[in-house]
Amino acid sequence: KSDDPMDKKISVRFTNEEYEILLEYAKNHELSVTQAIKMSLRMNILS
């Protein structure tokens, strides 16, 4: 068992343009889409 389980799920709808931007960013930075979204959350909201 994890000390901090990831048991919360969300669903987000993107336009084609937004999705392509996200995919390109993730590819250029060698991240998964999930990692790119989580990193953006930490950098923009939590900071």
All heavy atoms as atom14 arrays in JSON, in Angstrom:
{
  "sequence": "KSDDPMDKKISVRFTNEEYEILLEYAKNHELSVTQAIKMSLRMNILS",
  "atom14_mask": [
    [1, 1, 1, 1, 1, 1, 1, 1, 1, 0, 0, 0, 0, 0],
    [1, 1, 1, 1, 1, 1, 0, 0, 0, 0, 0, 0, 0, 0],
    [1, 1, 1, 1, 1, 1, 1, 1, 0, 0, 0, 0, 0, 0],
    [1, 1, 1, 1, 1, 1, 1, 1, 0, 0, 0, 0, 0, 0],
    [1, 1, 1, 1, 1, 1, 1, 0, 0, 0, 0, 0, 0, 0],
    [1, 1, 1, 1, 1, 1, 1, 1, 0, 0, 0, 0, 0, 0],
    [1, 1, 1, 1, 1, 1, 1, 1, 0, 0, 0, 0, 0, 0],
    [1, 1, 1, 1, 1, 1, 1, 1, 1, 0, 0, 0, 0, 0],
    [1, 1, 1, 1, 1, 1, 1, 1, 1, 0, 0, 0, 0, 0],
    [1, 1, 1, 1, 1, 1, 1, 1, 0, 0, 0, 0, 0, 0],
    [1, 1, 1, 1, 1, 1, 0, 0, 0, 0, 0, 0, 0, 0],
    [1, 1, 1, 1, 1, 1, 1, 0, 0, 0, 0, 0, 0, 0],
    [1, 1, 1, 1, 1, 1, 1, 1, 1, 1, 1, 0, 0, 0],
    [1, 1, 1, 1, 1, 1, 1, 1, 1, 1, 1, 0, 0, 0],
    [1, 1, 1, 1, 1, 1, 1, 0, 0, 0, 0, 0, 0, 0],
    [1, 1, 1, 1, 1, 1, 1, 1, 0, 0, 0, 0, 0, 0],
    [1, 1, 1, 1, 1, 1, 1, 1, 1, 0, 0, 0, 0, 0],
    [1, 1, 1, 1, 1, 1, 1, 1, 1, 0, 0, 0, 0, 0],
    [1, 1, 1, 1, 1, 1, 1, 1, 1, 1, 1, 1, 0, 0],
    [1, 1, 1, 1, 1, 1, 1, 1, 1, 0, 0, 0, 0, 0],
    [1, 1, 1, 1, 1, 1, 1, 1, 0, 0, 0, 0, 0, 0],
    [1, 1, 1, 1, 1, 1, 1, 1, 0, 0, 0, 0, 0, 0],
    [1, 1, 1, 1, 1, 1, 1, 1, 0, 0, 0, 0, 0, 0],
    [1, 1, 1, 1, 1, 1, 1, 1, 1, 0, 0, 0, 0, 0],
    [1, 1, 1, 1, 1, 1, 1, 1, 1, 1, 1, 1, 0, 0],
    [1, 1, 1, 1, 1, 0, 0, 0, 0, 0, 0, 0, 0, 0],
    [1, 1, 1, 1, 1, 1, 1, 1, 1, 0, 0, 0, 0, 0],
    [1, 1, 1, 1, 1, 1, 1, 1, 0, 0, 0, 0, 0, 0],
    [1, 1, 1, 1, 1, 1, 1, 1, 1, 1, 0, 0, 0, 0],
    [1, 1, 1, 1, 1, 1, 1, 1, 1, 0, 0, 0, 0, 0],
    [1, 1, 1, 1, 1, 1, 1, 1, 0, 0, 0, 0, 0, 0],
    [1, 1, 1, 1, 1, 1, 0, 0, 0, 0, 0, 0, 0, 0],
    [1, 1, 1, 1, 1, 1, 1, 0, 0, 0, 0, 0, 0, 0],
    [1, 1, 1, 1, 1, 1, 1, 0, 0, 0, 0, 0, 0, 0],
    [1, 1, 1, 1, 1, 1, 1, 1, 1, 0, 0, 0, 0, 0],
    [1, 1, 1, 1, 1, 0, 0, 0, 0, 0, 0, 0, 0, 0],
    [1, 1, 1, 1, 1, 1, 1, 1, 0, 0, 0, 0, 0, 0],
    [1, 1, 1, 1, 1, 1, 1, 1, 1, 0, 0, 0, 0, 0],
    [1, 1, 1, 1, 1, 1, 1, 1, 0, 0, 0, 0, 0, 0],
    [1, 1, 1, 1, 1, 1, 0, 0, 0, 0, 0, 0, 0, 0],
    [1, 1, 1, 1, 1, 1, 1, 1, 0, 0, 0, 0, 0, 0],
    [1, 1, 1, 1, 1, 1, 1, 1, 1, 1, 1, 0, 0, 0],
    [1, 1, 1, 1, 1, 1, 1, 1, 0, 0, 0, 0, 0, 0],
    [1, 1, 1, 1, 1, 1, 1, 1, 0, 0, 0, 0, 0, 0],
    [1, 1, 1, 1, 1, 1, 1, 1, 0, 0, 0, 0, 0, 0],
    [1, 1, 1, 1, 1, 1, 1, 1, 0, 0, 0, 0, 0, 0],
    [1, 1, 1, 1, 1, 1, 0, 0, 0, 0, 0, 0, 0, 0]
  ],
  "atom14_positions": [
    [[0.84, -1.2, 0.0], [0.0, 0.0, 0.0], [0.88, 1.25, 0.0], [1.91, 1.31, 0.65], [-0.9, 0.03, 1.23], [-1.84, -1.15, 1.33], [-2.92, -1.07, 0.29], [-3.89, -2.24, 0.44], [-4.84, -2.32, -0.61], [0.0, 0.0, 0.0], [0.0, 0.0, 0.0], [0.0, 0.0, 0.0], [0.0, 0.0, 0.0], [0.0, 0.0, 0.0]],
    [[0.43, 2.27, -0.73], [1.14, 3.53, -0.82], [0.77, 4.43, 0.35], [-0.36, 4.38, 0.86], [0.78, 4.23, -2.13], [1.3, 5.53, -2.18], [0.0, 0.0, 0.0], [0.0, 0.0, 0.0], [0.0, 0.0, 0.0], [0.0, 0.0, 0.0], [0.0, 0.0, 0.0], [0.0, 0.0, 0.0], [0.0, 0.0, 0.0], [0.0, 0.0, 0.0]],
    [[1.71, 5.28, 0.78], [1.42, 6.25, 1.84], [0.53, 7.37, 1.3], [-0.18, 8.02, 2.06], [2.72, 6.85, 2.38], [3.53, 5.84, 3.16], [2.93, 4.87, 3.69], [4.76, 6.01, 3.24], [0.0, 0.0, 0.0], [0.0, 0.0, 0.0], [0.0, 0.0, 0.0], [0.0, 0.0, 0.0], [0.0, 0.0, 0.0], [0.0, 0.0, 0.0]],
    [[0.61, 7.63, -0.01], [-0.17, 8.69, -0.65], [-0.8, 8.14, -1.94], [-0.32, 8.43, -3.04], [0.74, 9.89, -0.95], [-0.05, 11.12, -1.36], [-1.28, 11.14, -1.16], [0.57, 12.06, -1.88], [0.0, 0.0, 0.0], [0.0, 0.0, 0.0], [0.0, 0.0, 0.0], [0.0, 0.0, 0.0], [0.0, 0.0, 0.0], [0.0, 0.0, 0.0]],
    [[-1.85, 7.33, -1.81], [-2.42, 6.68, -2.99], [-3.03, 7.68, -3.97], [-3.58, 8.7, -3.56], [-3.48, 5.75, -2.41], [-3.86, 6.36, -1.12], [-2.62, 7.03, -0.61], [0.0, 0.0, 0.0], [0.0, 0.0, 0.0], [0.0, 0.0, 0.0], [0.0, 0.0, 0.0], [0.0, 0.0, 0.0], [0.0, 0.0, 0.0], [0.0, 0.0, 0.0]],
    [[-2.9, 7.38, -5.24], [-3.51, 8.22, -6.28], [-4.86, 7.6, -6.65], [-4.97, 6.86, -7.62], [-2.59, 8.31, -7.5], [-1.32, 9.06, -7.23], [-0.36, 9.33, -8.7], [0.52, 7.78, -8.79], [0.0, 0.0, 0.0], [0.0, 0.0, 0.0], [0.0, 0.0, 0.0], [0.0, 0.0, 0.0], [0.0, 0.0, 0.0], [0.0, 0.0, 0.0]],
    [[-5.88, 7.91, -5.84], [-7.17, 7.3, -6.05], [-8.23, 8.27, -6.59], [-9.39, 7.92, -6.72], [-7.66, 6.63, -4.77], [-7.76, 7.59, -3.61], [-7.33, 8.74, -3.74], [-8.28, 7.18, -2.55], [0.0, 0.0, 0.0], [0.0, 0.0, 0.0], [0.0, 0.0, 0.0], [0.0, 0.0, 0.0], [0.0, 0.0, 0.0], [0.0, 0.0, 0.0]],
    [[-7.84, 9.48, -6.91], [-8.76, 10.47, -7.45], [-8.59, 10.55, -8.96], [-7.46, 10.6, -9.47], [-8.5, 11.86, -6.85], [-8.53, 11.9, -5.35], [-9.89, 11.53, -4.81], [-9.91, 11.65, -3.3], [-10.68, 10.64, -2.66], [0.0, 0.0, 0.0], [0.0, 0.0, 0.0], [0.0, 0.0, 0.0], [0.0, 0.0, 0.0], [0.0, 0.0, 0.0]],
    [[-9.69, 10.56, -9.69], [-9.65, 10.64, -11.14], [-10.47, 11.83, -11.61], [-11.49, 12.17, -11.0], [-10.23, 9.37, -11.77], [-9.41, 8.15, -11.52], [-10.0, 6.97, -12.25], [-9.19, 5.72, -11.95], [-9.66, 4.57, -12.71], [0.0, 0.0, 0.0], [0.0, 0.0, 0.0], [0.0, 0.0, 0.0], [0.0, 0.0, 0.0], [0.0, 0.0, 0.0]],
    [[-10.0, 12.46, -12.68], [-10.75, 13.54, -13.3], [-10.8, 13.28, -14.81], [-10.0, 12.52, -15.35], [-10.15, 14.93, -13.03], [-8.74, 15.04, -13.6], [-10.15, 15.24, -11.54], [-8.22, 16.46, -13.6], [0.0, 0.0, 0.0], [0.0, 0.0, 0.0], [0.0, 0.0, 0.0], [0.0, 0.0, 0.0], [0.0, 0.0, 0.0], [0.0, 0.0, 0.0]],
    [[-11.72, 13.94, -15.46], [-11.84, 13.84, -16.91], [-11.81, 15.27, -17.46], [-12.5, 16.15, -16.93], [-13.15, 13.15, -17.28], [-13.31, 13.15, -18.67], [0.0, 0.0, 0.0], [0.0, 0.0, 0.0], [0.0, 0.0, 0.0], [0.0, 0.0, 0.0], [0.0, 0.0, 0.0], [0.0, 0.0, 0.0], [0.0, 0.0, 0.0], [0.0, 0.0, 0.0]],
    [[-11.03, 15.49, -18.5], [-10.89, 16.82, -19.08], [-11.11, 16.72, -20.58], [-10.58, 15.81, -21.23], [-9.48, 17.4, -18.81], [-9.34, 18.78, -19.42], [-9.19, 17.44, -17.33], [0.0, 0.0, 0.0], [0.0, 0.0, 0.0], [0.0, 0.0, 0.0], [0.0, 0.0, 0.0], [0.0, 0.0, 0.0], [0.0, 0.0, 0.0], [0.0, 0.0, 0.0]],
    [[-11.88, 17.63, -21.12], [-12.11, 17.66, -22.57], [-11.25, 18.76, -23.18], [-11.2, 19.87, -22.66], [-13.59, 17.9, -22.86], [-14.44, 16.74, -22.37], [-15.91, 17.05, -22.48], [-16.26, 17.28, -23.86], [-17.24, 16.66, -24.5], [-17.97, 15.78, -23.85], [-17.52, 16.93, -25.74], [0.0, 0.0, 0.0], [0.0, 0.0, 0.0], [0.0, 0.0, 0.0]],
    [[-10.57, 18.44, -24.27], [-9.71, 19.37, -24.98], [-10.19, 19.57, -26.4], [-10.75, 18.64, -27.0], [-8.27, 18.83, -25.05], [-7.55, 18.77, -23.74], [-7.41, 17.58, -23.06], [-6.98, 19.91, -23.2], [-6.73, 17.51, -21.86], [-6.3, 19.86, -21.99], [-6.18, 18.66, -21.32], [0.0, 0.0, 0.0], [0.0, 0.0, 0.0], [0.0, 0.0, 0.0]],
    [[-9.94, 20.74, -26.95], [-10.14, 20.93, -28.38], [-9.0, 20.22, -29.09], [-7.99, 19.85, -28.46], [-10.09, 22.43, -28.76], [-8.78, 22.93, -28.48], [-11.14, 23.24, -28.01], [0.0, 0.0, 0.0], [0.0, 0.0, 0.0], [0.0, 0.0, 0.0], [0.0, 0.0, 0.0], [0.0, 0.0, 0.0], [0.0, 0.0, 0.0], [0.0, 0.0, 0.0]],
    [[-9.13, 20.03, -30.39], [-8.04, 19.4, -31.15], [-6.75, 20.2, -31.0], [-5.68, 19.62, -30.83], [-8.4, 19.28, -32.63], [-9.2, 18.03, -32.93], [-9.23, 17.1, -32.15], [-9.85, 18.03, -34.08], [0.0, 0.0, 0.0], [0.0, 0.0, 0.0], [0.0, 0.0, 0.0], [0.0, 0.0, 0.0], [0.0, 0.0, 0.0], [0.0, 0.0, 0.0]],
    [[-6.86, 21.52, -31.06], [-5.67, 22.38, -30.96], [-5.0, 22.22, -29.6], [-3.78, 22.07, -29.52], [-6.05, 23.84, -31.19], [-4.87, 24.78, -31.11], [-5.26, 26.23, -31.27], [-6.47, 26.54, -31.3], [-4.33, 27.05, -31.36], [0.0, 0.0, 0.0], [0.0, 0.0, 0.0], [0.0, 0.0, 0.0], [0.0, 0.0, 0.0], [0.0, 0.0, 0.0]],
    [[-5.78, 22.26, -28.53], [-5.23, 22.1, -27.19], [-4.56, 20.74, -27.03], [-3.47, 20.64, -26.45], [-6.32, 22.26, -26.14], [-6.89, 23.65, -26.04], [-8.17, 23.71, -25.24], [-8.87, 22.69, -25.12], [-8.47, 24.81, -24.72], [0.0, 0.0, 0.0], [0.0, 0.0, 0.0], [0.0, 0.0, 0.0], [0.0, 0.0, 0.0], [0.0, 0.0, 0.0]],
    [[-5.2, 19.71, -27.54], [-4.67, 18.35, -27.42], [-3.36, 18.21, -28.19], [-2.4, 17.62, -27.69], [-5.7, 17.34, -27.9], [-5.29, 15.91, -27.67], [-5.16, 15.4, -26.38], [-5.02, 15.07, -28.74], [-4.77, 14.1, -26.16], [-4.63, 13.76, -28.53], [-4.51, 13.28, -27.24], [-4.12, 11.98, -27.03], [0.0, 0.0, 0.0], [0.0, 0.0, 0.0]],
    [[-3.3, 18.77, -29.38], [-2.08, 18.71, -30.17], [-0.94, 19.46, -29.49], [0.21, 19.0, -29.5], [-2.31, 19.27, -31.59], [-3.2, 18.39, -32.44], [-2.65, 17.0, -32.66], [-1.43, 16.84, -32.83], [-3.47, 16.04, -32.64], [0.0, 0.0, 0.0], [0.0, 0.0, 0.0], [0.0, 0.0, 0.0], [0.0, 0.0, 0.0], [0.0, 0.0, 0.0]],
    [[-1.24, 20.6, -28.89], [-0.23, 21.36, -28.15], [0.29, 20.52, -26.98], [1.5, 20.45, -26.74], [-0.8, 22.71, -27.65], [-1.05, 23.64, -28.84], [0.11, 23.36, -26.61], [-1.86, 24.87, -28.49], [0.0, 0.0, 0.0], [0.0, 0.0, 0.0], [0.0, 0.0, 0.0], [0.0, 0.0, 0.0], [0.0, 0.0, 0.0], [0.0, 0.0, 0.0]],
    [[-0.62, 19.89, -26.25], [-0.24, 19.04, -25.12], [0.63, 17.87, -25.58], [1.66, 17.58, -24.97], [-1.49, 18.54, -24.4], [-1.28, 17.59, -23.23], [-0.42, 18.23, -22.15], [-2.62, 17.15, -22.68], [0.0, 0.0, 0.0], [0.0, 0.0, 0.0], [0.0, 0.0, 0.0], [0.0, 0.0, 0.0], [0.0, 0.0, 0.0], [0.0, 0.0, 0.0]],
    [[0.22, 17.19, -26.65], [1.01, 16.07, -27.17], [2.4, 16.51, -27.61], [3.39, 15.83, -27.32], [0.29, 15.42, -28.35], [-0.94, 14.6, -28.04], [-1.54, 14.05, -29.33], [-0.64, 13.47, -27.09], [0.0, 0.0, 0.0], [0.0, 0.0, 0.0], [0.0, 0.0, 0.0], [0.0, 0.0, 0.0], [0.0, 0.0, 0.0], [0.0, 0.0, 0.0]],
    [[2.47, 17.64, -28.29], [3.76, 18.14, -28.76], [4.68, 18.49, -27.59], [5.86, 18.17, -27.59], [3.55, 19.37, -29.65], [4.79, 19.89, -30.31], [5.33, 18.97, -31.39], [4.56, 18.16, -31.93], [6.53, 19.09, -31.69], [0.0, 0.0, 0.0], [0.0, 0.0, 0.0], [0.0, 0.0, 0.0], [0.0, 0.0, 0.0], [0.0, 0.0, 0.0]],
    [[4.11, 19.15, -26.56], [4.89, 19.5, -25.38], [5.42, 18.24, -24.7], [6.6, 18.15, -24.36], [4.04, 20.31, -24.4], [4.82, 20.73, -23.17], [5.55, 21.91, -23.18], [4.86, 19.94, -22.03], [6.29, 22.29, -22.07], [5.6, 20.3, -20.93], [6.31, 21.49, -20.95], [7.05, 21.85, -19.86], [0.0, 0.0, 0.0], [0.0, 0.0, 0.0]],
    [[4.55, 17.27, -24.51], [4.95, 16.02, -23.84], [6.03, 15.32, -24.65], [7.02, 14.83, -24.08], [3.73, 15.11, -23.67], [0.0, 0.0, 0.0], [0.0, 0.0, 0.0], [0.0, 0.0, 0.0], [0.0, 0.0, 0.0], [0.0, 0.0, 0.0], [0.0, 0.0, 0.0], [0.0, 0.0, 0.0], [0.0, 0.0, 0.0], [0.0, 0.0, 0.0]],
    [[5.88, 15.27, -25.95], [6.88, 14.62, -26.81], [8.22, 15.34, -26.74], [9.27, 14.71, -26.58], [6.38, 14.59, -28.25], [7.33, 13.93, -29.21], [6.77, 13.96, -30.62], [7.78, 13.41, -31.59], [7.32, 13.57, -32.98], [0.0, 0.0, 0.0], [0.0, 0.0, 0.0], [0.0, 0.0, 0.0], [0.0, 0.0, 0.0], [0.0, 0.0, 0.0]],
    [[8.2, 16.66, -26.84], [9.44, 17.44, -26.82], [10.19, 17.35, -25.49], [11.41, 17.51, -25.46], [9.15, 18.91, -27.14], [8.77, 19.12, -28.58], [9.04, 18.28, -29.45], [8.12, 20.23, -28.86], [0.0, 0.0, 0.0], [0.0, 0.0, 0.0], [0.0, 0.0, 0.0], [0.0, 0.0, 0.0], [0.0, 0.0, 0.0], [0.0, 0.0, 0.0]],
    [[9.46, 17.13, -24.42], [10.08, 17.06, -23.09], [10.19, 15.62, -22.57], [10.49, 15.42, -21.39], [9.31, 17.93, -22.11], [9.43, 19.39, -22.4], [8.65, 20.04, -23.32], [10.29, 20.31, -21.93], [9.0, 21.3, -23.37], [10.0, 21.5, -22.54], [0.0, 0.0, 0.0], [0.0, 0.0, 0.0], [0.0, 0.0, 0.0], [0.0, 0.0, 0.0]],
    [[9.92, 14.66, -23.46], [9.99, 13.23, -23.12], [9.18, 12.9, -21.87], [9.65, 12.27, -20.93], [11.45, 12.79, -22.97], [12.24, 12.94, -24.26], [13.68, 12.48, -24.15], [14.11, 12.08, -23.06], [14.36, 12.52, -25.18], [0.0, 0.0, 0.0], [0.0, 0.0, 0.0], [0.0, 0.0, 0.0], [0.0, 0.0, 0.0], [0.0, 0.0, 0.0]],
    [[7.93, 13.36, -21.87], [7.0, 13.12, -20.78], [5.77, 12.4, -21.32], [5.45, 12.51, -22.5], [6.53, 14.45, -20.16], [7.57, 15.36, -19.54], [6.95, 16.72, -19.26], [8.11, 14.74, -18.28], [0.0, 0.0, 0.0], [0.0, 0.0, 0.0], [0.0, 0.0, 0.0], [0.0, 0.0, 0.0], [0.0, 0.0, 0.0], [0.0, 0.0, 0.0]],
    [[5.06, 11.72, -20.43], [3.75, 11.22, -20.81], [2.78, 12.4, -20.72], [3.08, 13.43, -20.11], [3.31, 10.1, -19.87], [3.02, 10.61, -18.58], [0.0, 0.0, 0.0], [0.0, 0.0, 0.0], [0.0, 0.0, 0.0], [0.0, 0.0, 0.0], [0.0, 0.0, 0.0], [0.0, 0.0, 0.0], [0.0, 0.0, 0.0], [0.0, 0.0, 0.0]],
    [[1.61, 12.25, -21.31], [0.6, 13.31, -21.23], [0.23, 13.55, -19.77], [0.11, 14.7, -19.33], [-0.64, 12.94, -22.08], [-1.77, 13.92, -21.84], [-0.27, 12.9, -23.56], [0.0, 0.0, 0.0], [0.0, 0.0, 0.0], [0.0, 0.0, 0.0], [0.0, 0.0, 0.0], [0.0, 0.0, 0.0], [0.0, 0.0, 0.0], [0.0, 0.0, 0.0]],
    [[0.09, 12.49, -19.0], [-0.23, 12.63, -17.58], [0.85, 13.4, -16.84], [0.55, 14.3, -16.04], [-0.43, 11.24, -16.93], [-1.5, 10.58, -17.6], [-0.73, 11.37, -15.45], [0.0, 0.0, 0.0], [0.0, 0.0, 0.0], [0.0, 0.0, 0.0], [0.0, 0.0, 0.0], [0.0, 0.0, 0.0], [0.0, 0.0, 0.0], [0.0, 0.0, 0.0]],
    [[2.11, 13.07, -17.11], [3.22, 13.78, -16.46], [3.21, 15.26, -16.84], [3.45, 16.12, -15.99], [4.55, 13.15, -16.85], [4.79, 11.8, -16.24], [6.02, 11.12, -16.83], [6.28, 11.21, -18.03], [6.77, 10.44, -15.97], [0.0, 0.0, 0.0], [0.0, 0.0, 0.0], [0.0, 0.0, 0.0], [0.0, 0.0, 0.0], [0.0, 0.0, 0.0]],
    [[2.94, 15.57, -18.1], [2.91, 16.96, -18.55], [1.8, 17.73, -17.85], [1.99, 18.88, -17.42], [2.74, 17.03, -20.07], [0.0, 0.0, 0.0], [0.0, 0.0, 0.0], [0.0, 0.0, 0.0], [0.0, 0.0, 0.0], [0.0, 0.0, 0.0], [0.0, 0.0, 0.0], [0.0, 0.0, 0.0], [0.0, 0.0, 0.0], [0.0, 0.0, 0.0]],
    [[0.63, 17.12, -17.71], [-0.49, 17.78, -17.04], [-0.19, 18.0, -15.56], [-0.4, 19.09, -15.03], [-1.79, 16.97, -17.22], [-2.23, 17.02, -18.69], [-2.9, 17.5, -16.31], [-3.35, 16.05, -19.03], [0.0, 0.0, 0.0], [0.0, 0.0, 0.0], [0.0, 0.0, 0.0], [0.0, 0.0, 0.0], [0.0, 0.0, 0.0], [0.0, 0.0, 0.0]],
    [[0.35, 16.98, -14.9], [0.67, 17.11, -13.47], [1.77, 18.16, -13.24], [1.7, 18.93, -12.29], [1.11, 15.76, -12.9], [-0.02, 14.8, -12.7], [0.52, 13.5, -12.16], [-0.45, 12.86, -11.22], [0.09, 11.68, -10.55], [0.0, 0.0, 0.0], [0.0, 0.0, 0.0], [0.0, 0.0, 0.0], [0.0, 0.0, 0.0], [0.0, 0.0, 0.0]],
    [[2.77, 18.18, -14.12], [3.84, 19.16, -14.0], [3.28, 20.57, -14.17], [3.62, 21.49, -13.42], [4.92, 18.89, -15.04], [6.13, 19.8, -14.9], [7.38, 19.46, -16.13], [6.61, 20.18, -17.56], [0.0, 0.0, 0.0], [0.0, 0.0, 0.0], [0.0, 0.0, 0.0], [0.0, 0.0, 0.0], [0.0, 0.0, 0.0], [0.0, 0.0, 0.0]],
    [[2.4, 20.75, -15.14], [1.78, 22.05, -15.37], [0.96, 22.48, -14.16], [1.0, 23.64, -13.74], [0.9, 21.99, -16.61], [0.28, 23.22, -16.84], [0.0, 0.0, 0.0], [0.0, 0.0, 0.0], [0.0, 0.0, 0.0], [0.0, 0.0, 0.0], [0.0, 0.0, 0.0], [0.0, 0.0, 0.0], [0.0, 0.0, 0.0], [0.0, 0.0, 0.0]],
    [[0.24, 21.55, -13.58], [-0.53, 21.84, -12.37], [0.38, 22.34, -11.26], [0.12, 23.37, -10.64], [-1.28, 20.58, -11.91], [-1.97, 20.68, -10.55], [-3.24, 21.51, -10.7], [-2.26, 19.32, -10.02], [0.0, 0.0, 0.0], [0.0, 0.0, 0.0], [0.0, 0.0, 0.0], [0.0, 0.0, 0.0], [0.0, 0.0, 0.0], [0.0, 0.0, 0.0]],
    [[1.46, 21.59, -11.01], [2.38, 22.0, -9.94], [3.0, 23.36, -10.23], [3.11, 24.21, -9.34], [3.48, 20.95, -9.8], [3.01, 19.7, -9.11], [4.16, 18.75, -8.84], [3.65, 17.43, -8.56], [3.61, 16.43, -9.42], [4.07, 16.6, -10.65], [3.11, 15.27, -9.09], [0.0, 0.0, 0.0], [0.0, 0.0, 0.0], [0.0, 0.0, 0.0]],
    [[3.45, 23.59, -11.46], [4.14, 24.83, -11.81], [3.2, 26.03, -11.76], [3.59, 27.1, -11.28], [4.77, 24.72, -13.2], [5.97, 23.83, -13.23], [6.69, 23.51, -14.86], [6.25, 24.92, -15.83], [0.0, 0.0, 0.0], [0.0, 0.0, 0.0], [0.0, 0.0, 0.0], [0.0, 0.0, 0.0], [0.0, 0.0, 0.0], [0.0, 0.0, 0.0]],
    [[1.99, 25.89, -12.24], [1.1, 27.04, -12.4], [0.16, 27.27, -11.23], [-0.01, 28.41, -10.8], [0.29, 26.89, -13.68], [1.16, 26.98, -14.9], [1.93, 27.91, -15.03], [1.07, 26.0, -15.77], [0.0, 0.0, 0.0], [0.0, 0.0, 0.0], [0.0, 0.0, 0.0], [0.0, 0.0, 0.0], [0.0, 0.0, 0.0], [0.0, 0.0, 0.0]],
    [[-0.43, 26.27, -10.71], [-1.43, 26.45, -9.66], [-0.81, 26.41, -8.28], [-0.99, 27.33, -7.47], [-2.56, 25.41, -9.78], [-3.32, 25.63, -11.07], [-3.51, 25.5, -8.58], [-4.37, 24.59, -11.36], [0.0, 0.0, 0.0], [0.0, 0.0, 0.0], [0.0, 0.0, 0.0], [0.0, 0.0, 0.0], [0.0, 0.0, 0.0], [0.0, 0.0, 0.0]],
    [[-0.08, 25.36, -7.99], [0.46, 25.2, -6.64], [1.51, 26.24, -6.3], [1.64, 26.65, -5.15], [1.02, 23.79, -6.46], [-0.02, 22.67, -6.64], [0.65, 21.3, -6.49], [-1.17, 22.82, -5.69], [0.0, 0.0, 0.0], [0.0, 0.0, 0.0], [0.0, 0.0, 0.0], [0.0, 0.0, 0.0], [0.0, 0.0, 0.0], [0.0, 0.0, 0.0]],
    [[2.25, 26.74, -7.3], [3.27, 27.74, -7.03], [2.66, 29.09, -6.64], [3.28, 29.89, -5.96], [4.21, 27.9, -8.22], [3.51, 28.46, -9.31], [0.0, 0.0, 0.0], [0.0, 0.0, 0.0], [0.0, 0.0, 0.0], [0.0, 0.0, 0.0], [0.0, 0.0, 0.0], [0.0, 0.0, 0.0], [0.0, 0.0, 0.0], [0.0, 0.0, 0.0]]
  ]
}
